[in-house]
Amino acid sequence: MRILYVIGKYITFPGAYIRAFWEHMTCLLLGLPVENTGYLRADEMCGHIEHFLPKKAWAAYLSATAPGFMGLITGLPLVVLGVLNLRFMGISFADSKVLFVLYIVLIYIGASIMCCLHPQFEVAQNLWDITLEKLHSKDKKSVVGGVFMFLPALVTYVGAVLERFSVPVLIWAAGLAVAFII
């Protein structure tokens, strides 16, 4: 499992590095102590940073979702721009060598960012546990907060599990292949 994960992260190294950067910024903003700031390592922390897990619900929510959201708003436009120009606008190598290469690079960087949207498994597990704790609380305000946290917690948890096996890399590779074949 770890070898697949590390290979997937090294293939998508721009996205893994950017994800770790956004995680580091989020931890600094939340005041979470960071243990190790190595962004690209050959272990299960590749593309993530080691930090203490937050105990408060809002901090747990932000630490799990904010870096992924930042990746989404930076990666998706890059992929869309590259695919639109190469596939639908029909820019080819014969038309413009520079633009053709630029759009391929944009697709690669955008797809690599999109492959690295989800948090480390322990961070997602922490958010999931806090969400379930809020849902089972006797306080109505806490239950309402748990309801609003449920879907993002579920998405980050499932995404973190899938990312452990480099499934997003395979999905994005297949999706881009289909976009250019069909």
Protein backbone atom coordinates (compact mmCIF):
# COMPACT_ATOMS: atom_id res chain seq x y z
CA MET A 1 0.00 0.00 0.00
CA ARG A 2 2.72 2.46 0.97
CA ILE A 3 4.67 1.87 -2.24
CA LEU A 4 1.57 2.56 -4.36
CA TYR A 5 0.90 5.70 -2.36
CA VAL A 6 4.44 7.04 -2.70
CA ILE A 7 4.56 6.24 -6.42
CA GLY A 8 1.25 8.06 -6.92
CA LYS A 9 2.51 11.06 -4.97
CA TYR A 10 5.79 11.21 -6.88
CA ILE A 11 3.96 11.01 -10.20
CA THR A 12 1.83 13.94 -9.06
CA PHE A 13 4.64 15.74 -7.25
CA PRO A 14 3.49 19.30 -8.13
CA GLY A 15 0.10 18.60 -6.58
CA ALA A 16 1.59 16.81 -3.58
CA TYR A 17 3.92 19.72 -2.91
CA ILE A 18 1.17 22.32 -3.29
CA ARG A 19 -1.15 20.26 -1.03
CA ALA A 20 1.52 20.11 1.68
CA PHE A 21 2.09 23.85 1.32
CA TRP A 22 -1.63 24.59 1.82
CA GLU A 23 -1.68 22.19 4.79
CA HIS A 24 1.28 24.00 6.31
CA MET A 25 -0.38 27.40 5.81
CA THR A 26 -3.62 26.12 7.35
CA CYS A 27 -1.77 24.76 10.38
CA LEU A 28 0.04 28.05 10.83
CA LEU A 29 -3.24 29.99 10.62
CA LEU A 30 -4.90 27.66 13.12
CA GLY A 31 -1.91 27.71 15.47
CA LEU A 32 -1.39 23.95 15.22
CA PRO A 33 2.17 22.89 16.02
CA VAL A 34 3.90 21.33 13.03
CA GLU A 35 6.23 18.42 13.80
CA ASN A 36 7.88 17.87 10.42
CA THR A 37 7.66 20.17 7.43
CA GLY A 38 9.11 17.80 4.82
CA TYR A 39 6.70 18.02 1.89
CA LEU A 40 7.88 15.16 -0.34
CA ARG A 41 9.10 12.16 1.63
CA ALA A 42 9.17 8.48 0.76
CA ASP A 43 6.60 7.43 3.37
CA GLU A 44 2.88 7.74 4.11
CA MET A 45 3.33 11.45 4.84
CA CYS A 46 4.40 12.26 1.27
CA GLY A 47 2.44 15.32 0.21
CA HIS A 48 1.40 16.06 3.79
CA ILE A 49 2.98 17.56 6.88
CA GLU A 50 3.03 16.11 10.36
CA HIS A 51 1.02 18.21 12.76
CA PHE A 52 -0.99 17.81 15.91
CA LEU A 53 -4.65 16.94 15.43
CA PRO A 54 -7.01 19.72 16.50
CA LYS A 55 -9.54 18.98 19.22
CA LYS A 56 -12.02 21.74 18.40
CA ALA A 57 -14.59 21.09 15.68
CA TRP A 58 -13.96 24.22 13.62
CA ALA A 59 -10.18 23.72 13.62
CA ALA A 60 -10.60 20.03 12.70
CA TYR A 61 -12.95 21.01 9.89
CA LEU A 62 -10.59 23.64 8.49
CA SER A 63 -7.47 21.49 8.80
CA ALA A 64 -9.17 18.69 6.86
CA THR A 65 -11.01 20.69 4.19
CA ALA A 66 -9.28 24.05 3.61
CA PRO A 67 -6.16 22.71 1.84
CA GLY A 68 -8.34 20.56 -0.41
CA PHE A 69 -10.59 23.51 -1.21
CA MET A 70 -7.57 25.63 -2.10
CA GLY A 71 -6.34 22.81 -4.32
CA LEU A 72 -9.74 22.57 -5.98
CA ILE A 73 -9.91 26.26 -6.84
CA THR A 74 -6.36 26.24 -8.21
CA GLY A 75 -6.27 22.83 -9.93
CA LEU A 76 -9.65 22.62 -11.62
CA PRO A 77 -9.26 25.83 -13.69
CA LEU A 78 -5.86 24.62 -14.93
CA VAL A 79 -7.28 21.30 -16.11
CA VAL A 80 -10.31 22.94 -17.69
CA LEU A 81 -8.16 25.54 -19.47
CA GLY A 82 -5.81 22.93 -20.87
CA VAL A 83 -8.52 20.48 -21.95
CA LEU A 84 -10.70 23.18 -23.50
CA ASN A 85 -7.86 24.56 -25.57
CA LEU A 86 -6.39 21.24 -26.69
CA ARG A 87 -9.52 19.18 -27.11
CA PHE A 88 -12.31 21.58 -27.97
CA MET A 89 -10.44 24.53 -29.48
CA GLY A 90 -8.22 22.13 -31.39
CA ILE A 91 -4.82 23.67 -30.65
CA SER A 92 -2.24 21.27 -32.06
CA PHE A 93 1.54 21.14 -32.09
CA ALA A 94 1.47 22.37 -35.70
CA ASP A 95 -0.56 25.45 -34.72
CA SER A 96 1.68 26.65 -31.92
CA LYS A 97 4.43 24.65 -30.29
CA VAL A 98 4.63 26.90 -27.25
CA LEU A 99 0.88 26.95 -26.56
CA PHE A 100 0.56 23.21 -27.12
CA VAL A 101 3.30 22.46 -24.58
CA LEU A 102 1.91 25.08 -22.19
CA TYR A 103 -1.55 23.50 -22.22
CA ILE A 104 -0.12 20.04 -21.63
CA VAL A 105 1.84 21.39 -18.67
CA LEU A 106 -1.31 23.10 -17.35
CA ILE A 107 -3.25 19.83 -17.60
CA TYR A 108 -0.48 17.92 -15.81
CA ILE A 109 -0.15 20.43 -12.98
CA GLY A 110 -3.92 20.85 -12.61
CA ALA A 111 -4.56 17.10 -12.63
CA SER A 112 -1.77 16.51 -10.14
CA ILE A 113 -3.31 19.11 -7.82
CA MET A 114 -6.73 17.48 -8.24
CA CYS A 115 -5.23 14.08 -7.33
CA CYS A 116 -4.03 15.47 -4.00
CA LEU A 117 -7.18 17.10 -2.63
CA HIS A 118 -7.79 14.87 0.36
CA PRO A 119 -6.15 15.01 3.77
CA GLN A 120 -4.01 12.42 5.45
CA PHE A 121 -6.09 9.55 6.83
CA GLU A 122 -5.58 10.50 10.49
CA VAL A 123 -6.78 14.06 9.86
CA ALA A 124 -9.88 12.78 8.06
CA GLN A 125 -10.49 10.24 10.85
CA ASN A 126 -10.23 13.03 13.43
CA LEU A 127 -12.82 15.13 11.57
CA TRP A 128 -15.09 12.10 11.19
CA ASP A 129 -14.87 11.28 14.92
CA ILE A 130 -15.61 14.88 15.92
CA THR A 131 -18.56 15.00 13.49
CA LEU A 132 -20.04 11.79 14.91
CA GLU A 133 -19.50 13.11 18.43
CA LYS A 134 -21.43 16.26 17.53
CA LEU A 135 -24.24 14.26 15.93
CA HIS A 136 -24.66 12.16 19.08
CA SER A 137 -24.54 15.17 21.40
CA LYS A 138 -27.48 16.20 23.57
CA ASP A 139 -26.94 19.86 22.67
CA LYS A 140 -29.16 20.94 19.73
CA LYS A 141 -26.58 23.49 18.54
CA SER A 142 -23.93 20.80 18.43
CA VAL A 143 -26.20 18.45 16.47
CA VAL A 144 -26.90 21.16 13.88
CA GLY A 145 -23.16 21.74 13.51
CA GLY A 146 -22.66 17.99 13.09
CA VAL A 147 -25.29 17.88 10.35
CA PHE A 148 -23.50 20.63 8.41
CA MET A 149 -20.14 18.90 8.95
CA PHE A 150 -21.38 15.44 7.97
CA LEU A 151 -21.08 15.60 4.18
CA PRO A 152 -17.62 17.28 4.09
CA ALA A 153 -16.42 14.84 6.76
CA LEU A 154 -17.70 11.89 4.74
CA VAL A 155 -16.12 13.15 1.51
CA THR A 156 -12.75 13.79 3.17
CA TYR A 157 -12.83 10.41 4.91
CA VAL A 158 -13.66 8.45 1.74
CA GLY A 159 -11.18 10.53 -0.27
CA ALA A 160 -8.42 9.92 2.28
CA VAL A 161 -9.07 6.17 2.13
CA LEU A 162 -8.99 6.19 -1.68
CA GLU A 163 -5.89 8.35 -1.77
CA ARG A 164 -4.02 5.76 0.32
CA PHE A 165 -4.21 3.46 -2.71
CA SER A 166 -3.59 6.18 -5.36
CA VAL A 167 -7.11 5.78 -6.74
CA PRO A 168 -7.47 9.50 -7.63
CA VAL A 169 -4.38 9.23 -9.86
CA LEU A 170 -5.96 6.34 -11.77
CA ILE A 171 -9.34 8.09 -12.00
CA TRP A 172 -7.83 11.33 -13.34
CA ALA A 173 -5.58 9.46 -15.79
CA ALA A 174 -8.56 7.50 -17.11
CA GLY A 175 -10.75 10.62 -17.25
CA LEU A 176 -8.19 12.59 -19.22
CA ALA A 177 -7.61 9.66 -21.55
CA VAL A 178 -11.34 9.43 -22.21
CA ALA A 179 -11.54 13.21 -22.77
CA PHE A 180 -8.96 13.02 -25.54
CA ILE A 181 -10.03 9.71 -27.08
CA ILE A 182 -13.74 10.40 -27.42
